[in-house]
PDB file of N, CA and C in Angstrom:
ATOM      1  N   MET A   1     218.472 158.831 137.398  1.00  0.00           N
ATOM      2  CA  MET A   1     218.133 160.080 136.734  1.00  0.00           C
ATOM      3  C   MET A   1     216.622 160.131 136.516  1.00  0.00           C
ATOM      4  N   GLU A   2     216.042 161.263 136.845  1.00  0.00           N
ATOM      5  CA  GLU A   2     214.595 161.406 136.697  1.00  0.00           C
ATOM      6  C   GLU A   2     214.243 161.903 135.300  1.00  0.00           C
ATOM      7  N   HIS A   3     213.081 161.482 134.818  1.00  0.00           N
ATOM      8  CA  HIS A   3     212.619 161.890 133.496  1.00  0.00           C
ATOM      9  C   HIS A   3     211.248 162.512 133.567  1.00  0.00           C
ATOM     10  N   ARG A   4     210.956 163.222 134.645  1.00  0.00           N
ATOM     11  CA  ARG A   4     209.639 163.812 134.831  1.00  0.00           C
ATOM     12  C   ARG A   4     209.415 164.917 133.807  1.00  0.00           C
ATOM     13  N   CYS A   5     208.203 164.980 133.313  1.00  0.00           N
ATOM     14  CA  CYS A   5     207.807 166.049 132.393  1.00  0.00           C
ATOM     15  C   CYS A   5     206.742 166.882 133.093  1.00  0.00           C
ATOM     16  N   GLY A   6     206.934 168.161 133.148  1.00  0.00           N
ATOM     17  CA  GLY A   6     205.958 169.027 133.790  1.00  0.00           C
ATOM     18  C   GLY A   6     206.365 169.329 135.223  1.00  0.00           C
ATOM     19  N   TYR A   7     205.592 170.188 135.843  1.00  0.00           N
ATOM     20  CA  TYR A   7     205.870 170.611 137.202  1.00  0.00           C
ATOM     21  C   TYR A   7     205.242 169.664 138.203  1.00  0.00           C
ATOM     22  N   ARG A   8     205.907 169.499 139.328  1.00  0.00           N
ATOM     23  CA  ARG A   8     205.329 168.735 140.433  1.00  0.00           C
ATOM     24  C   ARG A   8     204.312 169.601 141.147  1.00  0.00           C
ATOM     25  N   ARG A   9     203.207 169.001 141.508  1.00  0.00           N
ATOM     26  CA  ARG A   9     202.170 169.697 142.272  1.00  0.00           C
ATOM     27  C   ARG A   9     201.898 168.893 143.532  1.00  0.00           C
ATOM     28  N   SER A  10     201.864 169.570 144.659  1.00  0.00           N
ATOM     29  CA  SER A  10     201.486 168.890 145.895  1.00  0.00           C
ATOM     30  C   SER A  10     200.023 168.513 145.805  1.00  0.00           C
ATOM     31  N   LEU A  11     199.696 167.366 146.360  1.00  0.00           N
ATOM     32  CA  LEU A  11     198.314 166.911 146.324  1.00  0.00           C
ATOM     33  C   LEU A  11     198.090 166.013 147.529  1.00  0.00           C
ATOM     34  N   GLU A  12     197.118 166.343 148.327  1.00  0.00           N
ATOM     35  CA  GLU A  12     196.764 165.519 149.479  1.00  0.00           C
ATOM     36  C   GLU A  12     195.599 164.628 149.079  1.00  0.00           C
ATOM     37  N   ALA A  13     195.888 163.367 148.809  1.00  0.00           N
ATOM     38  CA  ALA A  13     194.832 162.445 148.406  1.00  0.00           C
ATOM     39  C   ALA A  13     195.220 161.018 148.780  1.00  0.00           C
ATOM     40  N   ILE A  14     194.221 160.248 149.121  1.00  0.00           N
ATOM     41  CA  ILE A  14     194.418 158.833 149.424  1.00  0.00           C
ATOM     42  C   ILE A  14     194.338 158.051 148.118  1.00  0.00           C
ATOM     43  N   VAL A  15     195.200 157.040 147.982  1.00  0.00           N
ATOM     44  CA  VAL A  15     195.214 156.226 146.772  1.00  0.00           C
ATOM     45  C   VAL A  15     195.179 154.738 147.111  1.00  0.00           C
ATOM     46  N   THR A  16     194.666 153.982 146.173  1.00  0.00           N
ATOM     47  CA  THR A  16     194.775 152.523 146.206  1.00  0.00           C
ATOM     48  C   THR A  16     195.530 152.145 144.946  1.00  0.00           C
ATOM     49  N   VAL A  17     196.578 151.347 145.112  1.00  0.00           N
ATOM     50  CA  VAL A  17     197.397 150.920 143.978  1.00  0.00           C
ATOM     51  C   VAL A  17     197.274 149.404 143.866  1.00  0.00           C
ATOM     52  N   ARG A  18     196.951 148.943 142.646  1.00  0.00           N
ATOM     53  CA  ARG A  18     196.755 147.507 142.402  1.00  0.00           C
ATOM     54  C   ARG A  18     197.629 147.049 141.238  1.00  0.00           C
ATOM     55  N   THR A  19     198.190 145.853 141.391  1.00  0.00           N
ATOM     56  CA  THR A  19     198.937 145.254 140.285  1.00  0.00           C
ATOM     57  C   THR A  19     198.022 144.264 139.570  1.00  0.00           C
ATOM     58  N   ARG A  20     198.434 143.822 138.401  1.00  0.00           N
ATOM     59  CA  ARG A  20     197.648 142.824 137.655  1.00  0.00           C
ATOM     60  C   ARG A  20     197.546 141.507 138.415  1.00  0.00           C
ATOM     61  N   SER A  21     198.554 141.216 139.245  1.00  0.00           N
ATOM     62  CA  SER A  21     198.543 139.953 139.993  1.00  0.00           C
ATOM     63  C   SER A  21     197.723 140.045 141.272  1.00  0.00           C
ATOM     64  N   GLY A  22     197.130 141.213 141.542  1.00  0.00           N
ATOM     65  CA  GLY A  22     196.241 141.349 142.687  1.00  0.00           C
ATOM     66  C   GLY A  22     196.858 141.953 143.932  1.00  0.00           C
ATOM     67  N   VAL A  23     198.143 142.293 143.899  1.00  0.00           N
ATOM     68  CA  VAL A  23     198.766 142.956 145.044  1.00  0.00           C
ATOM     69  C   VAL A  23     198.151 144.344 145.161  1.00  0.00           C
ATOM     70  N   THR A  24     197.675 144.677 146.361  1.00  0.00           N
ATOM     71  CA  THR A  24     197.005 145.961 146.576  1.00  0.00           C
ATOM     72  C   THR A  24     197.608 146.655 147.791  1.00  0.00           C
ATOM     73  N   VAL A  25     197.798 147.945 147.688  1.00  0.00           N
ATOM     74  CA  VAL A  25     198.307 148.739 148.803  1.00  0.00           C
ATOM     75  C   VAL A  25     197.587 150.083 148.811  1.00  0.00           C
ATOM     76  N   GLN A  26     197.370 150.604 150.009  1.00  0.00           N
ATOM     77  CA  GLN A  26     196.821 151.957 150.124  1.00  0.00           C
ATOM     78  C   GLN A  26     197.952 152.884 150.518  1.00  0.00           C
ATOM     79  N   GLY A  27     197.875 154.098 150.052  1.00  0.00           N
ATOM     80  CA  GLY A  27     198.906 155.072 150.356  1.00  0.00           C
ATOM     81  C   GLY A  27     198.354 156.476 150.237  1.00  0.00           C
ATOM     82  N   ARG A  28     199.267 157.413 150.155  1.00  0.00           N
ATOM     83  CA  ARG A  28     198.897 158.824 150.042  1.00  0.00           C
ATOM     84  C   ARG A  28     199.767 159.469 148.973  1.00  0.00           C
ATOM     85  N   VAL A  29     199.126 160.200 148.081  1.00  0.00           N
ATOM     86  CA  VAL A  29     199.865 160.922 147.043  1.00  0.00           C
ATOM     87  C   VAL A  29     200.634 162.062 147.713  1.00  0.00           C
ATOM     88  N   LEU A  30     201.927 162.135 147.435  1.00  0.00           N
ATOM     89  CA  LEU A  30     202.727 163.248 147.942  1.00  0.00           C
ATOM     90  C   LEU A  30     202.771 164.381 146.924  1.00  0.00           C
ATOM     91  N   ASN A  31     202.938 164.019 145.645  1.00  0.00           N
ATOM     92  CA  ASN A  31     202.885 165.017 144.583  1.00  0.00           C
ATOM     93  C   ASN A  31     202.615 164.331 143.256  1.00  0.00           C
ATOM     94  N   VAL A  32     202.156 165.114 142.291  1.00  0.00           N
ATOM     95  CA  VAL A  32     201.863 164.603 140.954  1.00  0.00           C
ATOM     96  C   VAL A  32     202.465 165.525 139.909  1.00  0.00           C
ATOM     97  N   SER A  33     202.678 164.970 138.736  1.00  0.00           N
ATOM     98  CA  SER A  33     203.076 165.768 137.574  1.00  0.00           C
ATOM     99  C   SER A  33     202.360 165.176 136.375  1.00  0.00           C
ATOM    100  N   ALA A  34     202.560 165.780 135.228  1.00  0.00           N
ATOM    101  CA  ALA A  34     201.916 165.286 134.010  1.00  0.00           C
ATOM    102  C   ALA A  34     202.374 163.878 133.670  1.00  0.00           C
ATOM    103  N   SER A  35     203.560 163.500 134.151  1.00  0.00           N
ATOM    104  CA  SER A  35     204.100 162.197 133.785  1.00  0.00           C
ATOM    105  C   SER A  35     204.011 161.143 134.883  1.00  0.00           C
ATOM    106  N   GLY A  36     203.649 161.532 136.119  1.00  0.00           N
ATOM    107  CA  GLY A  36     203.576 160.516 137.168  1.00  0.00           C
ATOM    108  C   GLY A  36     203.256 161.081 138.531  1.00  0.00           C
ATOM    109  N   ALA A  37     203.484 160.247 139.556  1.00  0.00           N
ATOM    110  CA  ALA A  37     203.182 160.635 140.934  1.00  0.00           C
ATOM    111  C   ALA A  37     204.147 159.961 141.887  1.00  0.00           C
ATOM    112  N   LEU A  38     204.385 160.633 143.012  1.00  0.00           N
ATOM    113  CA  LEU A  38     205.134 160.047 144.110  1.00  0.00           C
ATOM    114  C   LEU A  38     204.117 159.686 145.181  1.00  0.00           C
ATOM    115  N   ILE A  39     204.156 158.434 145.614  1.00  0.00           N
ATOM    116  CA  ILE A  39     203.151 157.911 146.539  1.00  0.00           C
ATOM    117  C   ILE A  39     203.827 157.402 147.801  1.00  0.00           C
ATOM    118  N   ARG A  40     203.320 157.827 148.952  1.00  0.00           N
ATOM    119  CA  ARG A  40     203.812 157.302 150.221  1.00  0.00           C
ATOM    120  C   ARG A  40     203.099 155.987 150.487  1.00  0.00           C
ATOM    121  N   GLY A  41     203.868 154.927 150.625  1.00  0.00           N
ATOM    122  CA  GLY A  41     203.309 153.606 150.864  1.00  0.00           C
ATOM    123  C   GLY A  41     204.371 152.560 150.583  1.00  0.00           C
ATOM    124  N   VAL A  42     204.059 151.325 150.885  1.00  0.00           N
ATOM    125  CA  VAL A  42     204.999 150.236 150.657  1.00  0.00           C
ATOM    126  C   VAL A  42     204.391 149.271 149.642  1.00  0.00           C
ATOM    127  N   LEU A  43     205.062 149.141 148.515  1.00  0.00           N
ATOM    128  CA  LEU A  43     204.628 148.217 147.474  1.00  0.00           C
ATOM    129  C   LEU A  43     205.873 147.483 146.999  1.00  0.00           C
ATOM    130  N   GLN A  44     205.978 146.228 147.360  1.00  0.00           N
ATOM    131  CA  GLN A  44     207.178 145.463 147.039  1.00  0.00           C
ATOM    132  C   GLN A  44     206.971 144.650 145.773  1.00  0.00           C
ATOM    133  N   VAL A  45     207.178 145.323 144.654  1.00  0.00           N
ATOM    134  CA  VAL A  45     207.097 144.686 143.339  1.00  0.00           C
ATOM    135  C   VAL A  45     208.282 145.191 142.522  1.00  0.00           C
ATOM    136  N   PRO A  46     208.639 144.484 141.451  1.00  0.00           N
ATOM    137  CA  PRO A  46     209.758 144.929 140.618  1.00  0.00           C
ATOM    138  C   PRO A  46     209.453 146.251 139.900  1.00  0.00           C
ATOM    139  N   LEU A  47     210.524 146.973 139.573  1.00  0.00           N
ATOM    140  CA  LEU A  47     210.368 148.171 138.747  1.00  0.00           C
ATOM    141  C   LEU A  47     209.689 147.790 137.442  1.00  0.00           C
ATOM    142  N   HIS A  48     208.941 148.700 136.888  1.00  0.00           N
ATOM    143  CA  HIS A  48     208.210 148.550 135.623  1.00  0.00           C
ATOM    144  C   HIS A  48     206.978 147.659 135.731  1.00  0.00           C
ATOM    145  N   THR A  49     206.596 147.305 136.970  1.00  0.00           N
ATOM    146  CA  THR A  49     205.348 146.560 137.156  1.00  0.00           C
ATOM    147  C   THR A  49     204.189 147.480 136.815  1.00  0.00           C
ATOM    148  N   GLN A  50     203.262 147.016 135.997  1.00  0.00           N
ATOM    149  CA  GLN A  50     202.100 147.824 135.644  1.00  0.00           C
ATOM    150  C   GLN A  50     201.125 147.869 136.823  1.00  0.00           C
ATOM    151  N   VAL A  51     200.589 149.058 137.088  1.00  0.00           N
ATOM    152  CA  VAL A  51     199.673 149.237 138.212  1.00  0.00           C
ATOM    153  C   VAL A  51     198.475 150.088 137.798  1.00  0.00           C
ATOM    154  N   LEU A  52     197.408 149.923 138.560  1.00  0.00           N
ATOM    155  CA  LEU A  52     196.231 150.782 138.448  1.00  0.00           C
ATOM    156  C   LEU A  52     196.223 151.639 139.698  1.00  0.00           C
ATOM    157  N   VAL A  53     196.242 152.946 139.535  1.00  0.00           N
ATOM    158  CA  VAL A  53     196.247 153.886 140.651  1.00  0.00           C
ATOM    159  C   VAL A  53     194.867 154.518 140.734  1.00  0.00           C
ATOM    160  N   GLN A  54     194.205 154.332 141.865  1.00  0.00           N
ATOM    161  CA  GLN A  54     192.882 154.915 142.072  1.00  0.00           C
ATOM    162  C   GLN A  54     193.004 155.995 143.135  1.00  0.00           C
ATOM    163  N   ILE A  55     192.774 157.234 142.717  1.00  0.00           N
ATOM    164  CA  ILE A  55     192.920 158.391 143.593  1.00  0.00           C
ATOM    165  C   ILE A  55     191.542 158.809 144.087  1.00  0.00           C
ATOM    166  N   GLU A  56     191.417 158.959 145.381  1.00  0.00           N
ATOM    167  CA  GLU A  56     190.170 159.473 145.965  1.00  0.00           C
ATOM    168  C   GLU A  56     190.192 160.984 145.781  1.00  0.00           C
ATOM    169  N   ALA A  57     189.415 161.461 144.840  1.00  0.00           N
ATOM    170  CA  ALA A  57     189.434 162.878 144.474  1.00  0.00           C
ATOM    171  C   ALA A  57     188.682 163.724 145.500  1.00  0.00           C
ATOM    172  N   PRO A  58     189.306 164.791 145.956  1.00  0.00           N
ATOM    173  CA  PRO A  58     188.644 165.688 146.905  1.00  0.00           C
ATOM    174  C   PRO A  58     187.793 166.738 146.203  1.00  0.00           C
ATOM    175  N   GLY A  59     187.065 167.510 146.967  1.00  0.00           N
ATOM    176  CA  GLY A  59     186.337 168.666 146.456  1.00  0.00           C
ATOM    177  C   GLY A  59     185.210 168.317 145.516  1.00  0.00           C
ATOM    178  N   ARG A  60     185.013 169.196 144.521  1.00  0.00           N
ATOM    179  CA  ARG A  60     183.900 169.020 143.576  1.00  0.00           C
ATOM    180  C   ARG A  60     184.055 167.787 142.711  1.00  0.00           C
ATOM    181  N   LEU A  61     185.266 167.263 142.622  1.00  0.00           N
ATOM    182  CA  LEU A  61     185.495 166.064 141.814  1.00  0.00           C
ATOM    183  C   LEU A  61     185.341 164.794 142.640  1.00  0.00           C
ATOM    184  N   ALA A  62     184.780 164.930 143.818  1.00  0.00           N
ATOM    185  CA  ALA A  62     184.692 163.794 144.743  1.00  0.00           C
ATOM    186  C   ALA A  62     184.320 162.518 144.019  1.00  0.00           C
ATOM    187  N   GLY A  63     185.077 161.503 144.278  1.00  0.00           N
ATOM    188  CA  GLY A  63     184.898 160.215 143.624  1.00  0.00           C
ATOM    189  C   GLY A  63     186.256 159.586 143.429  1.00  0.00           C
ATOM    190  N   ARG A  64     186.332 158.608 142.592  1.00  0.00           N
ATOM    191  CA  ARG A  64     187.580 157.885 142.380  1.00  0.00           C
ATOM    192  C   ARG A  64     188.048 158.069 140.950  1.00  0.00           C
ATOM    193  N   ILE A  65     189.289 158.484 140.801  1.00  0.00           N
ATOM    194  CA  ILE A  65     189.905 158.650 139.490  1.00  0.00           C
ATOM    195  C   ILE A  65     190.884 157.497 139.299  1.00  0.00           C
ATOM    196  N   SER A  66     190.782 156.783 138.205  1.00  0.00           N
ATOM    197  CA  SER A  66     191.651 155.635 137.936  1.00  0.00           C
ATOM    198  C   SER A  66     192.626 155.961 136.815  1.00  0.00           C
ATOM    199  N   LEU A  67     193.909 155.689 137.070  1.00  0.00           N
ATOM    200  CA  LEU A  67     194.966 155.944 136.101  1.00  0.00           C
ATOM    201  C   LEU A  67     195.873 154.725 136.027  1.00  0.00           C
ATOM    202  N   VAL A  68     196.347 154.412 134.839  1.00  0.00           N
ATOM    203  CA  VAL A  68     197.241 153.279 134.642  1.00  0.00           C
ATOM    204  C   VAL A  68     198.660 153.799 134.512  1.00  0.00           C
ATOM    205  N   GLY A  69     199.595 153.071 135.109  1.00  0.00           N
ATOM    206  CA  GLY A  69     200.997 153.449 135.024  1.00  0.00           C
ATOM    207  C   GLY A  69     201.881 152.276 135.375  1.00  0.00           C
ATOM    208  N   GLU A  70     203.159 152.578 135.611  1.00  0.00           N
ATOM    209  CA  GLU A  70     204.086 151.538 136.031  1.00  0.00           C
ATOM    210  C   GLU A  70     205.032 152.096 137.080  1.00  0.00           C
ATOM    211  N   ILE A  71     205.516 151.213 137.930  1.00  0.00           N
ATOM    212  CA  ILE A  71     206.442 151.618 138.988  1.00  0.00           C
ATOM    213  C   ILE A  71     207.753 152.040 138.329  1.00  0.00           C
ATOM    214  N   SER A  72     208.159 153.284 138.574  1.00  0.00           N
ATOM    215  CA  SER A  72     209.363 153.794 137.922  1.00  0.00           C
ATOM    216  C   SER A  72     210.551 153.921 138.869  1.00  0.00           C
ATOM    217  N   ARG A  73     210.291 154.023 140.169  1.00  0.00           N
ATOM    218  CA  ARG A  73     211.382 154.050 141.143  1.00  0.00           C
ATOM    219  C   ARG A  73     210.837 153.840 142.544  1.00  0.00           C
ATOM    220  N   VAL A  74     211.738 153.495 143.439  1.00  0.00           N
ATOM    221  CA  VAL A  74     211.400 153.309 144.843  1.00  0.00           C
ATOM    222  C   VAL A  74     212.235 154.314 145.633  1.00  0.00           C
ATOM    223  N   THR A  75     211.617 154.969 146.602  1.00  0.00           N
ATOM    224  CA  THR A  75     212.290 155.976 147.427  1.00  0.00           C
ATOM    225  C   THR A  75     212.122 155.603 148.897  1.00  0.00           C
ATOM    226  N   PRO A  76     212.860 156.260 149.787  1.00  0.00           N
ATOM    227  CA  PRO A  76     212.657 156.008 151.216  1.00  0.00           C
ATOM    228  C   PRO A  76     211.225 156.347 151.671  1.00  0.00           C
ATOM    229  N   GLU A  77     210.561 157.259 150.960  1.00  0.00           N
ATOM    230  CA  GLU A  77     209.192 157.663 151.314  1.00  0.00           C
ATOM    231  C   GLU A  77     208.135 156.723 150.759  1.00  0.00           C
ATOM    232  N   GLY A  78     208.446 156.058 149.660  1.00  0.00           N
ATOM    233  CA  GLY A  78     207.437 155.228 148.998  1.00  0.00           C
ATOM    234  C   GLY A  78     207.893 154.795 147.628  1.00  0.00           C
ATOM    235  N   PHE A  79     207.095 155.137 146.614  1.00  0.00           N
ATOM    236  CA  PHE A  79     207.425 154.729 145.249  1.00  0.00           C
ATOM    237  C   PHE A  79     206.837 155.731 144.268  1.00  0.00           C
ATOM    238  N   ALA A  80     207.401 155.716 143.062  1.00  0.00           N
ATOM    239  CA  ALA A  80     206.934 156.613 142.005  1.00  0.00           C
ATOM    240  C   ALA A  80     206.280 155.794 140.906  1.00  0.00           C
ATOM    241  N   VAL A  81     205.214 156.366 140.348  1.00  0.00           N
ATOM    242  CA  VAL A  81     204.497 155.754 139.241  1.00  0.00           C
ATOM    243  C   VAL A  81     204.595 156.696 138.049  1.00  0.00           C
ATOM    244  N   GLU A  82     204.904 156.142 136.888  1.00  0.00           N
ATOM    245  CA  GLU A  82     204.884 156.907 135.643  1.00  0.00           C
ATOM    246  C   GLU A  82     203.611 156.530 134.907  1.00  0.00           C
ATOM    247  N   TRP A  83     202.805 157.548 134.534  1.00  0.00           N
ATOM    248  CA  TRP A  83     201.531 157.287 133.852  1.00  0.00           C
ATOM    249  C   TRP A  83     201.778 156.679 132.480  1.00  0.00           C
ATOM    250  N   SER A  84     200.897 155.785 132.068  1.00  0.00           N
ATOM    251  CA  SER A  84     200.972 155.191 130.724  1.00  0.00           C
ATOM    252  C   SER A  84     200.592 156.213 129.663  1.00  0.00           C
ATOM    253  N   GLU A  85     199.702 157.124 130.021  1.00  0.00           N
ATOM    254  CA  GLU A  85     199.273 158.205 129.125  1.00  0.00           C
ATOM    255  C   GLU A  85     199.801 159.511 129.697  1.00  0.00           C
ATOM    256  N   PHE A  86     200.471 160.304 128.880  1.00  0.00           N
ATOM    257  CA  PHE A  86     201.006 161.577 129.353  1.00  0.00           C
ATOM    258  C   PHE A  86     199.871 162.550 129.653  1.00  0.00           C
ATOM    259  N   ALA A  87     199.887 163.137 130.829  1.00  0.00           N
ATOM    260  CA  ALA A  87     198.912 164.146 131.258  1.00  0.00           C
ATOM    261  C   ALA A  87     197.466 163.720 131.013  1.00  0.00           C
ATOM    262  N   PRO A  88     197.026 162.615 131.608  1.00  0.00           N
ATOM    263  CA  PRO A  88     195.638 162.186 131.400  1.00  0.00           C
ATOM    264  C   PRO A  88     194.646 163.262 131.850  1.00  0.00           C
ATOM    265  N   GLN A  89     193.540 163.375 131.117  1.00  0.00           N
ATOM    266  CA  GLN A  89     192.543 164.422 131.390  1.00  0.00           C
ATOM    267  C   GLN A  89     192.039 164.373 132.833  1.00  0.00           C
ATOM    268  N   ALA A  90     191.782 163.196 133.357  1.00  0.00           N
ATOM    269  CA  ALA A  90     191.278 163.081 134.737  1.00  0.00           C
ATOM    270  C   ALA A  90     192.281 163.678 135.718  1.00  0.00           C
ATOM    271  N   LEU A  91     193.557 163.478 135.475  1.00  0.00           N
ATOM    272  CA  LEU A  91     194.589 164.043 136.341  1.00  0.00           C
ATOM    273  C   LEU A  91     194.638 165.555 136.205  1.00  0.00           C
ATOM    274  N   ARG A  92     194.537 166.060 134.994  1.00  0.00           N
ATOM    275  CA  ARG A  92     194.542 167.521 134.800  1.00  0.00           C
ATOM    276  C   ARG A  92     193.373 168.159 135.532  1.00  0.00           C
ATOM    277  N   ASN A  93     192.195 167.526 135.475  1.00  0.00           N
ATOM    278  CA  ASN A  93     191.037 168.048 136.204  1.00  0.00           C
ATOM    279  C   ASN A  93     191.284 168.050 137.707  1.00  0.00           C
ATOM    280  N   LEU A  94     191.888 166.979 138.193  1.00  0.00           N
ATOM    281  CA  LEU A  94     192.162 166.857 139.621  1.00  0.00           C
ATOM    282  C   LEU A  94     193.147 167.924 140.084  1.00  0.00           C
ATOM    283  N   VAL A  95     194.217 168.114 139.336  1.00  0.00           N
ATOM    284  CA  VAL A  95     195.226 169.119 139.692  1.00  0.00           C
ATOM    285  C   VAL A  95     194.627 170.515 139.632  1.00  0.00           C
ATOM    286  N   ARG A  96     193.812 170.775 138.626  1.00  0.00           N
ATOM    287  CA  ARG A  96     193.161 172.083 138.502  1.00  0.00           C
ATOM    288  C   ARG A  96     192.261 172.328 139.709  1.00  0.00           C
ATOM    289  N   GLU A  97     191.490 171.326 140.110  1.00  0.00           N
ATOM    290  CA  GLU A  97     190.594 171.452 141.259  1.00  0.00           C
ATOM    291  C   GLU A  97     191.385 171.682 142.544  1.00  0.00           C
ATOM    292  N   ALA A  98     192.484 170.959 142.696  1.00  0.00           N
ATOM    293  CA  ALA A  98     193.302 171.091 143.906  1.00  0.00           C
ATOM    294  C   ALA A  98     193.954 172.465 143.994  1.00  0.00           C
ATOM    295  N   ALA A  99     194.188 173.102 142.843  1.00  0.00           N
ATOM    296  CA  ALA A  99     194.836 174.410 142.828  1.00  0.00           C
ATOM    297  C   ALA A  99     193.874 175.550 143.142  1.00  0.00           C
ATOM    298  N   LEU A 100     192.574 175.294 143.055  1.00  0.00           N
ATOM    299  CA  LEU A 100     191.606 176.352 143.335  1.00  0.00           C
ATOM    300  C   LEU A 100     191.636 176.707 144.812  1.00  0.00           C
ATOM    301  N   PRO A 101     191.532 178.001 145.119  1.00  0.00           N
ATOM    302  CA  PRO A 101     191.494 178.374 146.536  1.00  0.00           C
ATOM    303  C   PRO A 101     190.246 177.801 147.188  1.00  0.00           C
ATOM    304  N   ARG A 102     190.429 177.306 148.379  1.00  0.00           N
ATOM    305  CA  ARG A 102     189.288 176.752 149.106  1.00  0.00           C
ATOM    306  C   ARG A 102     188.535 177.891 149.764  1.00  0.00           C
ATOM    307  N   ARG A 103     187.228 177.873 149.593  1.00  0.00           N
ATOM    308  CA  ARG A 103     186.405 178.913 150.193  1.00  0.00           C
ATOM    309  C   ARG A 103     186.191 178.602 151.659  1.00  0.00           C
ATOM    310  N   MET A 104     186.436 179.607 152.456  1.00  0.00           N
ATOM    311  CA  MET A 104     186.172 179.484 153.885  1.00  0.00           C
ATOM    312  C   MET A 104     184.716 179.868 154.096  1.00  0.00           C
ATOM    313  N   PRO A 105     184.036 179.183 155.012  1.00  0.00           N
ATOM    314  CA  PRO A 105     182.652 179.568 155.268  1.00  0.00           C
ATOM    315  C   PRO A 105     182.608 180.998 155.777  1.00  0.00           C
ATOM    316  N   GLU A 106     181.594 181.707 155.338  1.00  0.00           N
ATOM    317  CA  GLU A 106     181.470 183.094 155.792  1.00  0.00           C
ATOM    318  C   GLU A 106     181.251 183.108 157.288  1.00  0.00           C
ATOM    319  N   ARG A 107     181.925 184.026 157.905  1.00  0.00           N
ATOM    320  CA  ARG A 107     181.835 184.144 159.352  1.00  0.00           C
ATOM    321  C   ARG A 107     180.542 184.856 159.715  1.00  0.00           C
ATOM    322  N   VAL A 108     179.835 184.252 160.619  1.00  0.00           N
ATOM    323  CA  VAL A 108     178.595 184.853 161.084  1.00  0.00           C
ATOM    324  C   VAL A 108     178.939 185.717 162.270  1.00  0.00           C
ATOM    325  N   SER A 109     178.641 186.990 162.152  1.00  0.00           N
ATOM    326  CA  SER A 109     178.971 187.900 163.252  1.00  0.00           C
ATOM    327  C   SER A 109     177.745 188.137 164.115  1.00  0.00           C
ATOM    328  N   GLU A 110     178.031 188.531 165.307  1.00  0.00           N
ATOM    329  CA  GLU A 110     176.955 188.857 166.240  1.00  0.00           C
ATOM    330  C   GLU A 110     176.345 190.181 165.813  1.00  0.00           C
ATOM    331  N   PRO A 111     175.035 190.314 165.896  1.00  0.00           N
ATOM    332  CA  PRO A 111     174.415 191.582 165.505  1.00  0.00           C
ATOM    333  C   PRO A 111     174.762 192.677 166.515  1.00  0.00           C
ATOM    334  N   ASP A 112     174.862 193.886 166.002  1.00  0.00           N
ATOM    335  CA  ASP A 112     175.080 195.034 166.892  1.00  0.00           C
ATOM    336  C   ASP A 112     173.804 195.271 167.689  1.00  0.00           C
ATOM    337  N   GLU A 113     173.948 195.899 168.853  1.00  0.00           N
ATOM    338  CA  GLU A 113     172.786 196.177 169.676  1.00  0.00           C
ATOM    339  C   GLU A 113     171.793 197.061 168.942  1.00  0.00           C
ATOM    340  N   ALA A 114     172.315 197.914 168.073  1.00  0.00           N
ATOM    341  CA  ALA A 114     171.430 198.818 167.321  1.00  0.00           C
ATOM    342  C   ALA A 114     170.534 198.021 166.372  1.00  0.00           C
ATOM    343  N   ASP A 115     170.984 196.852 165.950  1.00  0.00           N
ATOM    344  CA  ASP A 115     170.207 196.030 165.024  1.00  0.00           C
ATOM    345  C   ASP A 115     169.161 195.167 165.714  1.00  0.00           C
ATOM    346  N   LEU A 116     169.265 195.038 167.040  1.00  0.00           N
ATOM    347  CA  LEU A 116     168.339 194.186 167.779  1.00  0.00           C
ATOM    348  C   LEU A 116     167.032 194.917 168.031  1.00  0.00           C
ATOM    349  N   PRO A 117     165.906 194.210 167.947  1.00  0.00           N
ATOM    350  CA  PRO A 117     164.636 194.863 168.261  1.00  0.00           C
ATOM    351  C   PRO A 117     164.596 195.135 169.774  1.00  0.00           C
ATOM    352  N   HIS A 118     164.030 196.271 170.104  1.00  0.00           N
ATOM    353  CA  HIS A 118     163.943 196.638 171.523  1.00  0.00           C
ATOM    354  C   HIS A 118     162.663 196.101 172.111  1.00  0.00           C
ATOM    355  N   ARG A 119     162.769 195.532 173.284  1.00  0.00           N
ATOM    356  CA  ARG A 119     161.574 195.052 174.005  1.00  0.00           C
ATOM    357  C   ARG A 119     161.157 196.101 175.005  1.00  0.00           C
ATOM    358  N   ARG A 120     159.879 196.268 175.134  1.00  0.00           N
ATOM    359  CA  ARG A 120     159.393 197.241 176.125  1.00  0.00           C
ATOM    360  C   ARG A 120     158.585 196.543 177.166  1.00  0.00           C
TER     361      ARG A 120
END
């Protein structure tokens, strides 16, 4: 039975997950919520193992966001982490940034012939 609090949000981000004993794995965040994240990757540790999750933040927040949690379940896709702190501020900032529409570069159009200087 799941005990997630809040809505799941899709998030494309690379993560590094570390245990206190030094086991490290890289993966990809599939989705996040205020209470945790689902991560694609293989981490063979017991449930409730405490981990440090470092998310490579995209966009204006570029950098690494570190969150503490514990392994709450294992799925065919990877594993789930439940945050030690409910809705950490760094995560809220990341989700807010990911939800912003991405600006497409303005398209540069070819000038009309009328706009071109005439050579004589």
